[in-house]
Amino acid sequence: MNSIQVFDDIQQLYLQFLENKNYPKLENLNNWGKNRYFFNQHFRLVEDWHQTEQIVIEFNQQYYCLDTGSAPDFMDKERYMTWLMGELLV
């Protein structure tokens, strides 16, 4: 797992994730599934902290609880990156 240090790294990984044809077909997953699959690939998930729509990740040695129920559509690049930036760079 790569050490993600800055938000630009996340944006690059996100774009690669959307373009990579080796992943399961993203359209077959719901929004929570897309989020969970992406974060599981690139972050350490804190399994015992999450609830149904919450995903807890570690980023820059801090923990963030992301409420994917309030997240915009994972496939909407602009809105999704704006939401994620707001969650991680507060």
C-alpha atoms as a PDB file:
ATOM      1  CA  MET A   1       0.000   0.000   0.000  1.00  0.00           C
ATOM      2  CA  ASN A   2       1.433   3.350  -0.994  1.00  0.00           C
ATOM      3  CA  SER A   3       1.759   6.110   1.534  1.00  0.00           C
ATOM      4  CA  ILE A   4      -0.661   8.811   0.462  1.00  0.00           C
ATOM      5  CA  GLN A   5       0.610  12.148   1.707  1.00  0.00           C
ATOM      6  CA  VAL A   6      -1.399  14.809  -0.097  1.00  0.00           C
ATOM      7  CA  PHE A   7      -4.865  15.188  -1.531  1.00  0.00           C
ATOM      8  CA  ASP A   8      -3.486  15.347  -5.092  1.00  0.00           C
ATOM      9  CA  ASP A   9      -2.329  11.746  -4.638  1.00  0.00           C
ATOM     10  CA  ILE A  10      -5.905  10.754  -3.801  1.00  0.00           C
ATOM     11  CA  GLN A  11      -7.225  12.516  -6.901  1.00  0.00           C
ATOM     12  CA  GLN A  12      -4.717  10.643  -9.072  1.00  0.00           C
ATOM     13  CA  LEU A  13      -5.591   7.288  -7.500  1.00  0.00           C
ATOM     14  CA  TYR A  14      -9.295   8.051  -7.941  1.00  0.00           C
ATOM     15  CA  LEU A  15      -8.850   8.742 -11.661  1.00  0.00           C
ATOM     16  CA  GLN A  16      -6.762   5.595 -12.095  1.00  0.00           C
ATOM     17  CA  PHE A  17      -9.409   3.619 -10.205  1.00  0.00           C
ATOM     18  CA  LEU A  18     -12.156   4.834 -12.569  1.00  0.00           C
ATOM     19  CA  GLU A  19     -10.067   4.049 -15.671  1.00  0.00           C
ATOM     20  CA  ASN A  20      -8.734   0.646 -14.622  1.00  0.00           C
ATOM     21  CA  LYS A  21     -10.623  -2.164 -16.319  1.00  0.00           C
ATOM     22  CA  ASN A  22      -9.264  -4.802 -13.908  1.00  0.00           C
ATOM     23  CA  TYR A  23     -11.627  -3.765 -11.135  1.00  0.00           C
ATOM     24  CA  PRO A  24     -15.107  -5.271 -10.916  1.00  0.00           C
ATOM     25  CA  LYS A  25     -17.565  -3.358 -13.003  1.00  0.00           C
ATOM     26  CA  LEU A  26     -18.248  -0.282 -10.896  1.00  0.00           C
ATOM     27  CA  GLU A  27     -21.757   0.113 -12.281  1.00  0.00           C
ATOM     28  CA  ASN A  28     -22.641  -3.174 -10.537  1.00  0.00           C
ATOM     29  CA  LEU A  29     -21.862  -1.654  -7.127  1.00  0.00           C
ATOM     30  CA  ASN A  30     -23.965   0.815  -5.175  1.00  0.00           C
ATOM     31  CA  ASN A  31     -22.425   4.098  -4.022  1.00  0.00           C
ATOM     32  CA  TRP A  32     -21.338   2.620  -0.674  1.00  0.00           C
ATOM     33  CA  GLY A  33     -19.751  -0.354  -2.456  1.00  0.00           C
ATOM     34  CA  LYS A  34     -17.786   1.902  -4.807  1.00  0.00           C
ATOM     35  CA  ASN A  35     -16.538   3.993  -1.880  1.00  0.00           C
ATOM     36  CA  ARG A  36     -15.627   0.975   0.206  1.00  0.00           C
ATOM     37  CA  TYR A  37     -13.854  -0.763  -2.663  1.00  0.00           C
ATOM     38  CA  PHE A  38     -11.820   2.376  -3.502  1.00  0.00           C
ATOM     39  CA  PHE A  39     -10.847   3.134   0.094  1.00  0.00           C
ATOM     40  CA  ASN A  40     -10.029  -0.513   0.765  1.00  0.00           C
ATOM     41  CA  GLN A  41      -7.568  -0.458  -2.159  1.00  0.00           C
ATOM     42  CA  HIS A  42      -5.675   2.649  -1.061  1.00  0.00           C
ATOM     43  CA  PHE A  43      -6.178   3.251   2.661  1.00  0.00           C
ATOM     44  CA  ARG A  44      -6.133   1.366   5.910  1.00  0.00           C
ATOM     45  CA  LEU A  45      -9.754   0.871   6.910  1.00  0.00           C
ATOM     46  CA  VAL A  46     -10.612   0.735  10.593  1.00  0.00           C
ATOM     47  CA  GLU A  47     -13.108  -2.095  10.443  1.00  0.00           C
ATOM     48  CA  ASP A  48     -14.421  -1.990  13.974  1.00  0.00           C
ATOM     49  CA  TRP A  49     -15.341   1.693  13.760  1.00  0.00           C
ATOM     50  CA  HIS A  50     -17.643   1.707  10.762  1.00  0.00           C
ATOM     51  CA  GLN A  51     -21.398   1.617  10.758  1.00  0.00           C
ATOM     52  CA  THR A  52     -23.594   0.910   7.775  1.00  0.00           C
ATOM     53  CA  GLU A  53     -22.821   3.978   5.670  1.00  0.00           C
ATOM     54  CA  GLN A  54     -19.701   5.119   7.496  1.00  0.00           C
ATOM     55  CA  ILE A  55     -16.178   4.219   6.463  1.00  0.00           C
ATOM     56  CA  VAL A  56     -13.259   5.056   8.744  1.00  0.00           C
ATOM     57  CA  ILE A  57      -9.923   5.505   6.988  1.00  0.00           C
ATOM     58  CA  GLU A  58      -6.464   6.547   8.050  1.00  0.00           C
ATOM     59  CA  PHE A  59      -4.928   9.438   6.071  1.00  0.00           C
ATOM     60  CA  ASN A  60      -1.746  11.246   7.128  1.00  0.00           C
ATOM     61  CA  GLN A  61      -1.767   9.470  10.495  1.00  0.00           C
ATOM     62  CA  GLN A  62      -5.254  10.753  11.308  1.00  0.00           C
ATOM     63  CA  TYR A  63      -8.569   8.947  11.260  1.00  0.00           C
ATOM     64  CA  TYR A  64     -11.507  10.187   9.235  1.00  0.00           C
ATOM     65  CA  CYS A  65     -15.047   8.899   9.464  1.00  0.00           C
ATOM     66  CA  LEU A  66     -16.606   9.353   6.046  1.00  0.00           C
ATOM     67  CA  ASP A  67     -20.394   9.248   5.853  1.00  0.00           C
ATOM     68  CA  THR A  68     -20.872   7.733   2.416  1.00  0.00           C
ATOM     69  CA  GLY A  69     -24.619   8.197   2.805  1.00  0.00           C
ATOM     70  CA  SER A  70     -24.046  11.928   2.322  1.00  0.00           C
ATOM     71  CA  ALA A  71     -21.472  11.457  -0.449  1.00  0.00           C
ATOM     72  CA  PRO A  72     -22.374  12.447  -3.995  1.00  0.00           C
ATOM     73  CA  ASP A  73     -22.358   9.819  -6.723  1.00  0.00           C
ATOM     74  CA  PHE A  74     -18.896   8.209  -6.736  1.00  0.00           C
ATOM     75  CA  MET A  75     -18.753   8.440 -10.532  1.00  0.00           C
ATOM     76  CA  ASP A  76     -19.362  12.236 -10.561  1.00  0.00           C
ATOM     77  CA  LYS A  77     -15.695  13.292 -10.499  1.00  0.00           C
ATOM     78  CA  GLU A  78     -16.115  16.985  -9.748  1.00  0.00           C
ATOM     79  CA  ARG A  79     -18.746  16.691  -7.032  1.00  0.00           C
ATOM     80  CA  TYR A  80     -17.150  13.635  -5.470  1.00  0.00           C
ATOM     81  CA  MET A  81     -13.661  15.182  -5.249  1.00  0.00           C
ATOM     82  CA  THR A  82     -15.137  18.392  -3.804  1.00  0.00           C
ATOM     83  CA  TRP A  83     -16.965  16.356  -1.150  1.00  0.00           C
ATOM     84  CA  LEU A  84     -13.919  14.229  -0.329  1.00  0.00           C
ATOM     85  CA  MET A  85     -11.639  17.265  -0.099  1.00  0.00           C
ATOM     86  CA  GLY A  86     -14.093  18.846   2.339  1.00  0.00           C
ATOM     87  CA  GLU A  87     -14.089  15.678   4.461  1.00  0.00           C
ATOM     88  CA  LEU A  88     -10.304  15.258   4.580  1.00  0.00           C
ATOM     89  CA  LEU A  89      -8.980  18.832   4.564  1.00  0.00           C
ATOM     90  CA  VAL A  90     -11.136  20.425   7.239  1.00  0.00           C
END
